[in-house]
Amino acid sequence: MRRLAMLLPLLATPAFAQVQAVVAGAPDPSFRLVNRDPAAVHEIYVSPTGRRDWGMDRLGQDVLVPGRAARISLPAGQCVNDIRVVFADGRAVERRRVDTCAVSQMAFP
């Protein structure tokens, strides 16, 4: 309790309130990715446009079978992204500079 009492004045500072307002008001770039291909999706990558690498595979050990969707969660405010989907047969489909804040669902291919 004592530690909380010491932190309360810090939480009431204007700087902290501004940070909260920016995060709270930031658009949500998360979306559903639907597999509309006859092949399963083995890998999904989403990275901010301009980044040199794709980052981690968002499916991990999972596979996205045809007709199913995966929820892609992204940090608030990260709206312009590059997306790469790799299918079971090795094909890769990329979409660049996608405004994911403007869409709630995206189908591949």
PDB file of N, CA and C in Angstrom:
ATOM      1  N   MET A   1       0.821  -1.198   0.000  1.00  0.00           N
ATOM      2  CA  MET A   1       0.000   0.000   0.000  1.00  0.00           C
ATOM      3  C   MET A   1       0.865   1.262   0.000  1.00  0.00           C
ATOM      4  N   ARG A   2       1.944   1.209   0.776  1.00  0.00           N
ATOM      5  CA  ARG A   2       2.804   2.383   0.892  1.00  0.00           C
ATOM      6  C   ARG A   2       3.388   2.750  -0.477  1.00  0.00           C
ATOM      7  N   ARG A   3       3.816   1.733  -1.265  1.00  0.00           N
ATOM      8  CA  ARG A   3       4.382   2.002  -2.590  1.00  0.00           C
ATOM      9  C   ARG A   3       3.333   2.633  -3.515  1.00  0.00           C
ATOM     10  N   LEU A   4       2.120   2.124  -3.454  1.00  0.00           N
ATOM     11  CA  LEU A   4       1.055   2.680  -4.270  1.00  0.00           C
ATOM     12  C   LEU A   4       0.813   4.148  -3.918  1.00  0.00           C
ATOM     13  N   ALA A   5       0.829   4.445  -2.634  1.00  0.00           N
ATOM     14  CA  ALA A   5       0.626   5.822  -2.186  1.00  0.00           C
ATOM     15  C   ALA A   5       1.730   6.729  -2.720  1.00  0.00           C
ATOM     16  N   MET A   6       2.948   6.209  -2.827  1.00  0.00           N
ATOM     17  CA  MET A   6       4.054   7.014  -3.347  1.00  0.00           C
ATOM     18  C   MET A   6       3.928   7.218  -4.857  1.00  0.00           C
ATOM     19  N   LEU A   7       3.318   6.281  -5.575  1.00  0.00           N
ATOM     20  CA  LEU A   7       3.194   6.386  -7.018  1.00  0.00           C
ATOM     21  C   LEU A   7       2.019   7.255  -7.461  1.00  0.00           C
ATOM     22  N   LEU A   8       1.009   7.393  -6.635  1.00  0.00           N
ATOM     23  CA  LEU A   8      -0.180   8.150  -7.016  1.00  0.00           C
ATOM     24  C   LEU A   8       0.120   9.568  -7.489  1.00  0.00           C
ATOM     25  N   PRO A   9       0.999  10.327  -6.821  1.00  0.00           N
ATOM     26  CA  PRO A   9       1.305  11.673  -7.340  1.00  0.00           C
ATOM     27  C   PRO A   9       1.921  11.641  -8.738  1.00  0.00           C
ATOM     28  N   LEU A  10       2.726  10.609  -9.037  1.00  0.00           N
ATOM     29  CA  LEU A  10       3.329  10.501 -10.368  1.00  0.00           C
ATOM     30  C   LEU A  10       2.281  10.230 -11.433  1.00  0.00           C
ATOM     31  N   LEU A  11       1.285   9.422 -11.100  1.00  0.00           N
ATOM     32  CA  LEU A  11       0.241   9.081 -12.061  1.00  0.00           C
ATOM     33  C   LEU A  11      -0.658  10.265 -12.381  1.00  0.00           C
ATOM     34  N   ALA A  12      -0.667  11.246 -11.536  1.00  0.00           N
ATOM     35  CA  ALA A  12      -1.524  12.412 -11.742  1.00  0.00           C
ATOM     36  C   ALA A  12      -0.811  13.527 -12.516  1.00  0.00           C
ATOM     37  N   THR A  13       0.441  13.301 -12.910  1.00  0.00           N
ATOM     38  CA  THR A  13       1.177  14.342 -13.621  1.00  0.00           C
ATOM     39  C   THR A  13       0.621  14.537 -15.028  1.00  0.00           C
ATOM     40  N   PRO A  14       0.724  15.745 -15.574  1.00  0.00           N
ATOM     41  CA  PRO A  14       0.226  16.014 -16.924  1.00  0.00           C
ATOM     42  C   PRO A  14       0.896  15.145 -17.993  1.00  0.00           C
ATOM     43  N   ALA A  15       2.185  14.856 -17.859  1.00  0.00           N
ATOM     44  CA  ALA A  15       2.893  14.049 -18.858  1.00  0.00           C
ATOM     45  C   ALA A  15       2.287  12.651 -18.937  1.00  0.00           C
ATOM     46  N   PHE A  16       1.998  12.056 -17.794  1.00  0.00           N
ATOM     47  CA  PHE A  16       1.401  10.728 -17.777  1.00  0.00           C
ATOM     48  C   PHE A  16       0.012  10.769 -18.415  1.00  0.00           C
ATOM     49  N   ALA A  17      -0.750  11.790 -18.136  1.00  0.00           N
ATOM     50  CA  ALA A  17      -2.089  11.919 -18.712  1.00  0.00           C
ATOM     51  C   ALA A  17      -2.010  12.056 -20.225  1.00  0.00           C
ATOM     52  N   GLN A  18      -1.014  12.766 -20.747  1.00  0.00           N
ATOM     53  CA  GLN A  18      -0.857  12.912 -22.188  1.00  0.00           C
ATOM     54  C   GLN A  18      -0.527  11.585 -22.840  1.00  0.00           C
ATOM     55  N   VAL A  19       0.362  10.805 -22.222  1.00  0.00           N
ATOM     56  CA  VAL A  19       0.711   9.491 -22.758  1.00  0.00           C
ATOM     57  C   VAL A  19      -0.524   8.608 -22.798  1.00  0.00           C
ATOM     58  N   GLN A  20      -1.313   8.595 -21.740  1.00  0.00           N
ATOM     59  CA  GLN A  20      -2.530   7.802 -21.707  1.00  0.00           C
ATOM     60  C   GLN A  20      -3.494   8.229 -22.806  1.00  0.00           C
ATOM     61  N   ALA A  21      -3.636   9.513 -23.027  1.00  0.00           N
ATOM     62  CA  ALA A  21      -4.565  10.016 -24.040  1.00  0.00           C
ATOM     63  C   ALA A  21      -4.122   9.595 -25.436  1.00  0.00           C
ATOM     64  N   VAL A  22      -2.819   9.644 -25.711  1.00  0.00           N
ATOM     65  CA  VAL A  22      -2.309   9.257 -27.017  1.00  0.00           C
ATOM     66  C   VAL A  22      -2.566   7.776 -27.257  1.00  0.00           C
ATOM     67  N   VAL A  23      -2.263   6.936 -26.271  1.00  0.00           N
ATOM     68  CA  VAL A  23      -2.467   5.498 -26.417  1.00  0.00           C
ATOM     69  C   VAL A  23      -3.953   5.186 -26.520  1.00  0.00           C
ATOM     70  N   ALA A  24      -4.771   5.808 -25.697  1.00  0.00           N
ATOM     71  CA  ALA A  24      -6.210   5.537 -25.702  1.00  0.00           C
ATOM     72  C   ALA A  24      -6.850   5.974 -27.011  1.00  0.00           C
ATOM     73  N   GLY A  25      -6.365   7.032 -27.621  1.00  0.00           N
ATOM     74  CA  GLY A  25      -6.957   7.547 -28.846  1.00  0.00           C
ATOM     75  C   GLY A  25      -6.345   6.980 -30.117  1.00  0.00           C
ATOM     76  N   ALA A  26      -5.314   6.146 -30.000  1.00  0.00           N
ATOM     77  CA  ALA A  26      -4.647   5.587 -31.169  1.00  0.00           C
ATOM     78  C   ALA A  26      -5.548   4.563 -31.849  1.00  0.00           C
ATOM     79  N   PRO A  27      -5.578   4.567 -33.181  1.00  0.00           N
ATOM     80  CA  PRO A  27      -6.410   3.600 -33.899  1.00  0.00           C
ATOM     81  C   PRO A  27      -5.899   2.176 -33.724  1.00  0.00           C
ATOM     82  N   ASP A  28      -6.824   1.217 -33.806  1.00  0.00           N
ATOM     83  CA  ASP A  28      -6.482  -0.199 -33.649  1.00  0.00           C
ATOM     84  C   ASP A  28      -6.172  -0.795 -35.023  1.00  0.00           C
ATOM     85  N   PRO A  29      -4.931  -1.214 -35.260  1.00  0.00           N
ATOM     86  CA  PRO A  29      -4.555  -1.778 -36.556  1.00  0.00           C
ATOM     87  C   PRO A  29      -4.776  -3.288 -36.661  1.00  0.00           C
ATOM     88  N   SER A  30      -5.284  -3.914 -35.614  1.00  0.00           N
ATOM     89  CA  SER A  30      -5.496  -5.360 -35.632  1.00  0.00           C
ATOM     90  C   SER A  30      -6.570  -5.724 -36.654  1.00  0.00           C
ATOM     91  N   PHE A  31      -6.463  -6.934 -37.221  1.00  0.00           N
ATOM     92  CA  PHE A  31      -7.410  -7.363 -38.249  1.00  0.00           C
ATOM     93  C   PHE A  31      -7.483  -8.890 -38.299  1.00  0.00           C
ATOM     94  N   ARG A  32      -8.472  -9.377 -39.029  1.00  0.00           N
ATOM     95  CA  ARG A  32      -8.612 -10.816 -39.266  1.00  0.00           C
ATOM     96  C   ARG A  32      -8.067 -11.125 -40.648  1.00  0.00           C
ATOM     97  N   LEU A  33      -7.197 -12.128 -40.743  1.00  0.00           N
ATOM     98  CA  LEU A  33      -6.663 -12.560 -42.021  1.00  0.00           C
ATOM     99  C   LEU A  33      -7.362 -13.873 -42.386  1.00  0.00           C
ATOM    100  N   VAL A  34      -8.043 -13.885 -43.539  1.00  0.00           N
ATOM    101  CA  VAL A  34      -8.811 -15.052 -43.981  1.00  0.00           C
ATOM    102  C   VAL A  34      -8.049 -15.773 -45.087  1.00  0.00           C
ATOM    103  N   ASN A  35      -7.936 -17.087 -44.969  1.00  0.00           N
ATOM    104  CA  ASN A  35      -7.298 -17.890 -46.006  1.00  0.00           C
ATOM    105  C   ASN A  35      -8.352 -18.323 -47.028  1.00  0.00           C
ATOM    106  N   ARG A  36      -8.314 -17.728 -48.207  1.00  0.00           N
ATOM    107  CA  ARG A  36      -9.250 -18.066 -49.279  1.00  0.00           C
ATOM    108  C   ARG A  36      -8.570 -18.902 -50.367  1.00  0.00           C
ATOM    109  N   ASP A  37      -7.435 -19.479 -50.054  1.00  0.00           N
ATOM    110  CA  ASP A  37      -6.682 -20.306 -51.000  1.00  0.00           C
ATOM    111  C   ASP A  37      -6.965 -21.782 -50.712  1.00  0.00           C
ATOM    112  N   PRO A  38      -6.833 -22.660 -51.707  1.00  0.00           N
ATOM    113  CA  PRO A  38      -7.011 -24.090 -51.433  1.00  0.00           C
ATOM    114  C   PRO A  38      -5.877 -24.691 -50.601  1.00  0.00           C
ATOM    115  N   ALA A  39      -4.747 -24.006 -50.510  1.00  0.00           N
ATOM    116  CA  ALA A  39      -3.621 -24.490 -49.708  1.00  0.00           C
ATOM    117  C   ALA A  39      -3.651 -23.846 -48.321  1.00  0.00           C
ATOM    118  N   ALA A  40      -3.153 -24.558 -47.345  1.00  0.00           N
ATOM    119  CA  ALA A  40      -3.054 -24.023 -45.987  1.00  0.00           C
ATOM    120  C   ALA A  40      -1.977 -22.944 -45.928  1.00  0.00           C
ATOM    121  N   VAL A  41      -2.152 -22.017 -45.009  1.00  0.00           N
ATOM    122  CA  VAL A  41      -1.142 -20.990 -44.745  1.00  0.00           C
ATOM    123  C   VAL A  41      -0.253 -21.519 -43.615  1.00  0.00           C
ATOM    124  N   HIS A  42       1.050 -21.493 -43.841  1.00  0.00           N
ATOM    125  CA  HIS A  42       1.994 -21.965 -42.830  1.00  0.00           C
ATOM    126  C   HIS A  42       2.667 -20.820 -42.077  1.00  0.00           C
ATOM    127  N   GLU A  43       2.746 -19.646 -42.695  1.00  0.00           N
ATOM    128  CA  GLU A  43       3.417 -18.521 -42.053  1.00  0.00           C
ATOM    129  C   GLU A  43       2.695 -17.214 -42.389  1.00  0.00           C
ATOM    130  N   ILE A  44       2.623 -16.328 -41.399  1.00  0.00           N
ATOM    131  CA  ILE A  44       2.089 -14.979 -41.600  1.00  0.00           C
ATOM    132  C   ILE A  44       3.059 -14.004 -40.942  1.00  0.00           C
ATOM    133  N   TYR A  45       3.472 -13.009 -41.715  1.00  0.00           N
ATOM    134  CA  TYR A  45       4.355 -11.972 -41.202  1.00  0.00           C
ATOM    135  C   TYR A  45       3.690 -10.619 -41.409  1.00  0.00           C
ATOM    136  N   VAL A  46       3.764  -9.770 -40.415  1.00  0.00           N
ATOM    137  CA  VAL A  46       3.274  -8.398 -40.521  1.00  0.00           C
ATOM    138  C   VAL A  46       4.318  -7.511 -39.871  1.00  0.00           C
ATOM    139  N   SER A  47       4.803  -6.546 -40.625  1.00  0.00           N
ATOM    140  CA  SER A  47       5.795  -5.623 -40.067  1.00  0.00           C
ATOM    141  C   SER A  47       5.484  -4.206 -40.530  1.00  0.00           C
ATOM    142  N   PRO A  48       5.891  -3.225 -39.740  1.00  0.00           N
ATOM    143  CA  PRO A  48       5.684  -1.837 -40.159  1.00  0.00           C
ATOM    144  C   PRO A  48       6.387  -1.581 -41.489  1.00  0.00           C
ATOM    145  N   THR A  49       5.735  -0.869 -42.377  1.00  0.00           N
ATOM    146  CA  THR A  49       6.336  -0.524 -43.665  1.00  0.00           C
ATOM    147  C   THR A  49       7.662   0.182 -43.423  1.00  0.00           C
ATOM    148  N   GLY A  50       8.661  -0.201 -44.198  1.00  0.00           N
ATOM    149  CA  GLY A  50       9.983   0.399 -44.053  1.00  0.00           C
ATOM    150  C   GLY A  50      10.936  -0.427 -43.213  1.00  0.00           C
ATOM    151  N   ARG A  51      10.420  -1.378 -42.475  1.00  0.00           N
ATOM    152  CA  ARG A  51      11.294  -2.247 -41.680  1.00  0.00           C
ATOM    153  C   ARG A  51      11.997  -3.231 -42.617  1.00  0.00           C
ATOM    154  N   ARG A  52      13.250  -3.514 -42.360  1.00  0.00           N
ATOM    155  CA  ARG A  52      14.041  -4.354 -43.260  1.00  0.00           C
ATOM    156  C   ARG A  52      13.747  -5.849 -43.129  1.00  0.00           C
ATOM    157  N   ASP A  53      13.266  -6.286 -41.981  1.00  0.00           N
ATOM    158  CA  ASP A  53      12.979  -7.705 -41.821  1.00  0.00           C
ATOM    159  C   ASP A  53      11.504  -7.911 -41.493  1.00  0.00           C
ATOM    160  N   TRP A  54      11.037  -9.134 -41.687  1.00  0.00           N
ATOM    161  CA  TRP A  54       9.617  -9.432 -41.485  1.00  0.00           C
ATOM    162  C   TRP A  54       9.253  -9.661 -40.029  1.00  0.00           C
ATOM    163  N   GLY A  55      10.237  -9.910 -39.192  1.00  0.00           N
ATOM    164  CA  GLY A  55       9.921 -10.193 -37.793  1.00  0.00           C
ATOM    165  C   GLY A  55       9.490 -11.632 -37.613  1.00  0.00           C
ATOM    166  N   MET A  56       8.728 -11.877 -36.557  1.00  0.00           N
ATOM    167  CA  MET A  56       8.348 -13.250 -36.210  1.00  0.00           C
ATOM    168  C   MET A  56       7.150 -13.739 -37.028  1.00  0.00           C
ATOM    169  N   ASP A  57       7.092 -15.053 -37.203  1.00  0.00           N
ATOM    170  CA  ASP A  57       5.939 -15.692 -37.841  1.00  0.00           C
ATOM    171  C   ASP A  57       4.793 -15.657 -36.845  1.00  0.00           C
ATOM    172  N   ARG A  58       3.706 -15.006 -37.197  1.00  0.00           N
ATOM    173  CA  ARG A  58       2.588 -14.815 -36.268  1.00  0.00           C
ATOM    174  C   ARG A  58       1.730 -16.054 -36.087  1.00  0.00           C
ATOM    175  N   LEU A  59       1.920 -17.058 -36.917  1.00  0.00           N
ATOM    176  CA  LEU A  59       1.193 -18.318 -36.713  1.00  0.00           C
ATOM    177  C   LEU A  59       1.941 -19.271 -35.786  1.00  0.00           C
ATOM    178  N   GLY A  60       3.261 -19.112 -35.714  1.00  0.00           N
ATOM    179  CA  GLY A  60       4.049 -20.018 -34.873  1.00  0.00           C
ATOM    180  C   GLY A  60       3.921 -21.438 -35.394  1.00  0.00           C
ATOM    181  N   GLN A  61       3.536 -22.367 -34.538  1.00  0.00           N
ATOM    182  CA  GLN A  61       3.381 -23.768 -34.916  1.00  0.00           C
ATOM    183  C   GLN A  61       2.017 -24.051 -35.549  1.00  0.00           C
ATOM    184  N   ASP A  62       1.109 -23.089 -35.517  1.00  0.00           N
ATOM    185  CA  ASP A  62      -0.231 -23.286 -36.050  1.00  0.00           C
ATOM    186  C   ASP A  62      -0.230 -23.231 -37.581  1.00  0.00           C
ATOM    187  N   VAL A  63      -1.309 -23.719 -38.165  1.00  0.00           N
ATOM    188  CA  VAL A  63      -1.540 -23.682 -39.605  1.00  0.00           C
ATOM    189  C   VAL A  63      -2.934 -23.110 -39.813  1.00  0.00           C
ATOM    190  N   LEU A  64      -3.069 -22.257 -40.814  1.00  0.00           N
ATOM    191  CA  LEU A  64      -4.373 -21.666 -41.125  1.00  0.00           C
ATOM    192  C   LEU A  64      -4.952 -22.395 -42.336  1.00  0.00           C
ATOM    193  N   VAL A  65      -5.909 -23.274 -42.079  1.00  0.00           N
ATOM    194  CA  VAL A  65      -6.493 -24.088 -43.149  1.00  0.00           C
ATOM    195  C   VAL A  65      -7.401 -23.232 -44.030  1.00  0.00           C
ATOM    196  N   PRO A  66      -7.656 -23.692 -45.268  1.00  0.00           N
ATOM    197  CA  PRO A  66      -8.520 -22.933 -46.169  1.00  0.00           C
ATOM    198  C   PRO A  66      -9.886 -22.642 -45.544  1.00  0.00           C
ATOM    199  N   GLY A  67     -10.352 -21.406 -45.753  1.00  0.00           N
ATOM    200  CA  GLY A  67     -11.655 -20.997 -45.247  1.00  0.00           C
ATOM    201  C   GLY A  67     -11.655 -20.479 -43.818  1.00  0.00           C
ATOM    202  N   ARG A  68     -10.556 -20.591 -43.108  1.00  0.00           N
ATOM    203  CA  ARG A  68     -10.483 -20.143 -41.719  1.00  0.00           C
ATOM    204  C   ARG A  68      -9.780 -18.797 -41.629  1.00  0.00           C
ATOM    205  N   ALA A  69      -9.908 -18.165 -40.462  1.00  0.00           N
ATOM    206  CA  ALA A  69      -9.308 -16.840 -40.241  1.00  0.00           C
ATOM    207  C   ALA A  69      -8.440 -16.857 -38.993  1.00  0.00           C
ATOM    208  N   ALA A  70      -7.462 -15.980 -38.979  1.00  0.00           N
ATOM    209  CA  ALA A  70      -6.598 -15.779 -37.809  1.00  0.00           C
ATOM    210  C   ALA A  70      -6.661 -14.310 -37.430  1.00  0.00           C
ATOM    211  N   ARG A  71      -6.723 -14.042 -36.147  1.00  0.00           N
ATOM    212  CA  ARG A  71      -6.706 -12.658 -35.657  1.00  0.00           C
ATOM    213  C   ARG A  71      -5.255 -12.215 -35.561  1.00  0.00           C
ATOM    214  N   ILE A  72      -4.943 -11.103 -36.196  1.00  0.00           N
ATOM    215  CA  ILE A  72      -3.602 -10.530 -36.165  1.00  0.00           C
ATOM    216  C   ILE A  72      -3.660  -9.292 -35.280  1.00  0.00           C
ATOM    217  N   SER A  73      -3.044  -9.381 -34.119  1.00  0.00           N
ATOM    218  CA  SER A  73      -3.032  -8.260 -33.166  1.00  0.00           C
ATOM    219  C   SER A  73      -1.763  -7.449 -33.352  1.00  0.00           C
ATOM    220  N   LEU A  74      -1.936  -6.142 -33.468  1.00  0.00           N
ATOM    221  CA  LEU A  74      -0.822  -5.224 -33.671  1.00  0.00           C
ATOM    222  C   LEU A  74      -0.879  -4.116 -32.641  1.00  0.00           C
ATOM    223  N   PRO A  75       0.259  -3.479 -32.353  1.00  0.00           N
ATOM    224  CA  PRO A  75       0.268  -2.377 -31.399  1.00  0.00           C
ATOM    225  C   PRO A  75      -0.570  -1.195 -31.887  1.00  0.00           C
ATOM    226  N   ALA A  76      -1.252  -0.554 -30.990  1.00  0.00           N
ATOM    227  CA  ALA A  76      -2.086   0.609 -31.324  1.00  0.00           C
ATOM    228  C   ALA A  76      -1.263   1.646 -32.073  1.00  0.00           C
ATOM    229  N   GLY A  77      -1.845   2.158 -33.149  1.00  0.00           N
ATOM    230  CA  GLY A  77      -1.199   3.215 -33.913  1.00  0.00           C
ATOM    231  C   GLY A  77      -0.282   2.738 -35.026  1.00  0.00           C
ATOM    232  N   GLN A  78       0.039   1.440 -35.078  1.00  0.00           N
ATOM    233  CA  GLN A  78       0.909   0.895 -36.137  1.00  0.00           C
ATOM    234  C   GLN A  78       0.043   0.579 -37.352  1.00  0.00           C
ATOM    235  N   CYS A  79      -0.308   1.601 -38.117  1.00  0.00           N
ATOM    236  CA  CYS A  79      -1.334   1.463 -39.155  1.00  0.00           C
ATOM    237  C   CYS A  79      -0.831   1.035 -40.526  1.00  0.00           C
ATOM    238  N   VAL A  80       0.340   1.448 -40.937  1.00  0.00           N
ATOM    239  CA  VAL A  80       0.814   1.134 -42.286  1.00  0.00           C
ATOM    240  C   VAL A  80       1.804  -0.022 -42.195  1.00  0.00           C
ATOM    241  N   ASN A  81       1.372  -1.166 -42.753  1.00  0.00           N
ATOM    242  CA  ASN A  81       2.133  -2.406 -42.580  1.00  0.00           C
ATOM    243  C   ASN A  81       2.327  -3.139 -43.889  1.00  0.00           C
ATOM    244  N   ASP A  82       3.380  -3.959 -43.918  1.00  0.00           N
ATOM    245  CA  ASP A  82       3.616  -4.904 -45.003  1.00  0.00           C
ATOM    246  C   ASP A  82       3.207  -6.272 -44.478  1.00  0.00           C
ATOM    247  N   ILE A  83       2.560  -7.077 -45.331  1.00  0.00           N
ATOM    248  CA  ILE A  83       2.048  -8.376 -44.922  1.00  0.00           C
ATOM    249  C   ILE A  83       2.578  -9.430 -45.888  1.00  0.00           C
ATOM    250  N   ARG A  84       3.045 -10.532 -45.342  1.00  0.00           N
ATOM    251  CA  ARG A  84       3.557 -11.655 -46.152  1.00  0.00           C
ATOM    252  C   ARG A  84       2.912 -12.933 -45.653  1.00  0.00           C
ATOM    253  N   VAL A  85       2.309 -13.684 -46.573  1.00  0.00           N
ATOM    254  CA  VAL A  85       1.670 -14.959 -46.253  1.00  0.00           C
ATOM    255  C   VAL A  85       2.383 -16.038 -47.053  1.00  0.00           C
ATOM    256  N   VAL A  86       2.790 -17.115 -46.368  1.00  0.00           N
ATOM    257  CA  VAL A  86       3.469 -18.236 -47.028  1.00  0.00           C
ATOM    258  C   VAL A  86       2.561 -19.456 -46.942  1.00  0.00           C
ATOM    259  N   PHE A  87       2.250 -20.032 -48.112  1.00  0.00           N
ATOM    260  CA  PHE A  87       1.366 -21.183 -48.192  1.00  0.00           C
ATOM    261  C   PHE A  87       2.147 -22.493 -48.084  1.00  0.00           C
ATOM    262  N   ALA A  88       1.426 -23.574 -47.865  1.00  0.00           N
ATOM    263  CA  ALA A  88       2.032 -24.893 -47.681  1.00  0.00           C
ATOM    264  C   ALA A  88       2.865 -25.319 -48.894  1.00  0.00           C
ATOM    265  N   ASP A  89       2.475 -24.862 -50.075  1.00  0.00           N
ATOM    266  CA  ASP A  89       3.211 -25.242 -51.283  1.00  0.00           C
ATOM    267  C   ASP A  89       4.428 -24.355 -51.544  1.00  0.00           C
ATOM    268  N   GLY A  90       4.732 -23.457 -50.623  1.00  0.00           N
ATOM    269  CA  GLY A  90       5.917 -22.609 -50.723  1.00  0.00           C
ATOM    270  C   GLY A  90       5.675 -21.244 -51.353  1.00  0.00           C
ATOM    271  N   ARG A  91       4.505 -21.025 -51.941  1.00  0.00           N
ATOM    272  CA  ARG A  91       4.198 -19.715 -52.522  1.00  0.00           C
ATOM    273  C   ARG A  91       4.118 -18.663 -51.431  1.00  0.00           C
ATOM    274  N   ALA A  92       4.582 -17.481 -51.758  1.00  0.00           N
ATOM    275  CA  ALA A  92       4.470 -16.355 -50.836  1.00  0.00           C
ATOM    276  C   ALA A  92       3.731 -15.225 -51.538  1.00  0.00           C
ATOM    277  N   VAL A  93       2.787 -14.636 -50.832  1.00  0.00           N
ATOM    278  CA  VAL A  93       2.043 -13.488 -51.355  1.00  0.00           C
ATOM    279  C   VAL A  93       2.307 -12.322 -50.409  1.00  0.00           C
ATOM    280  N   GLU A  94       2.693 -11.193 -50.972  1.00  0.00           N
ATOM    281  CA  GLU A  94       2.984 -10.007 -50.169  1.00  0.00           C
ATOM    282  C   GLU A  94       2.071  -8.857 -50.570  1.00  0.00           C
ATOM    283  N   ARG A  95       1.686  -8.097 -49.576  1.00  0.00           N
ATOM    284  CA  ARG A  95       0.967  -6.844 -49.807  1.00  0.00           C
ATOM    285  C   ARG A  95       1.723  -5.769 -49.033  1.00  0.00           C
ATOM    286  N   ARG A  96       2.039  -4.706 -49.715  1.00  0.00           N
ATOM    287  CA  ARG A  96       2.847  -3.633 -49.128  1.00  0.00           C
ATOM    288  C   ARG A  96       1.997  -2.407 -48.845  1.00  0.00           C
ATOM    289  N   ARG A  97       2.411  -1.673 -47.823  1.00  0.00           N
ATOM    290  CA  ARG A  97       1.811  -0.386 -47.446  1.00  0.00           C
ATOM    291  C   ARG A  97       0.295  -0.488 -47.243  1.00  0.00           C
ATOM    292  N   VAL A  98      -0.120  -1.493 -46.490  1.00  0.00           N
ATOM    293  CA  VAL A  98      -1.541  -1.698 -46.204  1.00  0.00           C
ATOM    294  C   VAL A  98      -1.905  -0.884 -44.963  1.00  0.00           C
ATOM    295  N   ASP A  99      -2.958  -0.081 -45.065  1.00  0.00           N
ATOM    296  CA  ASP A  99      -3.450   0.669 -43.910  1.00  0.00           C
ATOM    297  C   ASP A  99      -4.369  -0.265 -43.120  1.00  0.00           C
ATOM    298  N   THR A 100      -3.799  -0.982 -42.168  1.00  0.00           N
ATOM    299  CA  THR A 100      -4.574  -1.960 -41.411  1.00  0.00           C
ATOM    300  C   THR A 100      -5.531  -1.303 -40.422  1.00  0.00           C
ATOM    301  N   CYS A 101      -5.389  -0.016 -40.176  1.00  0.00           N
ATOM    302  CA  CYS A 101      -6.352   0.691 -39.324  1.00  0.00           C
ATOM    303  C   CYS A 101      -7.670   0.934 -40.076  1.00  0.00           C
ATOM    304  N   ALA A 102      -7.613   0.834 -41.402  1.00  0.00           N
ATOM    305  CA  ALA A 102      -8.795   1.097 -42.223  1.00  0.00           C
ATOM    306  C   ALA A 102      -9.560  -0.176 -42.597  1.00  0.00           C
ATOM    307  N   VAL A 103      -9.024  -1.340 -42.217  1.00  0.00           N
ATOM    308  CA  VAL A 103      -9.688  -2.610 -42.553  1.00  0.00           C
ATOM    309  C   VAL A 103      -9.865  -3.448 -41.285  1.00  0.00           C
ATOM    310  N   SER A 104     -10.895  -4.245 -41.261  1.00  0.00           N
ATOM    311  CA  SER A 104     -11.066  -5.157 -40.124  1.00  0.00           C
ATOM    312  C   SER A 104     -10.810  -6.597 -40.540  1.00  0.00           C
ATOM    313  N   GLN A 105     -10.827  -6.841 -41.865  1.00  0.00           N
ATOM    314  CA  GLN A 105     -10.608  -8.191 -42.379  1.00  0.00           C
ATOM    315  C   GLN A 105      -9.903  -8.108 -43.721  1.00  0.00           C
ATOM    316  N   MET A 106      -9.014  -9.068 -43.978  1.00  0.00           N
ATOM    317  CA  MET A 106      -8.288  -9.113 -45.226  1.00  0.00           C
ATOM    318  C   MET A 106      -8.188 -10.565 -45.668  1.00  0.00           C
ATOM    319  N   ALA A 107      -8.478 -10.830 -46.948  1.00  0.00           N
ATOM    320  CA  ALA A 107      -8.422 -12.195 -47.463  1.00  0.00           C
ATOM    321  C   ALA A 107      -7.189 -12.383 -48.349  1.00  0.00           C
ATOM    322  N   PHE A 108      -6.587 -13.555 -48.259  1.00  0.00           N
ATOM    323  CA  PHE A 108      -5.467 -13.948 -49.115  1.00  0.00           C
ATOM    324  C   PHE A 108      -5.855 -15.217 -49.810  1.00  0.00           C
ATOM    325  N   PRO A 109      -5.489 -15.468 -51.043  1.00  0.00           N
ATOM    326  CA  PRO A 109      -4.651 -14.642 -51.886  1.00  0.00           C
ATOM    327  C   PRO A 109      -5.389 -13.477 -52.461  1.00  0.00           C
TER     328      PRO A 109
END
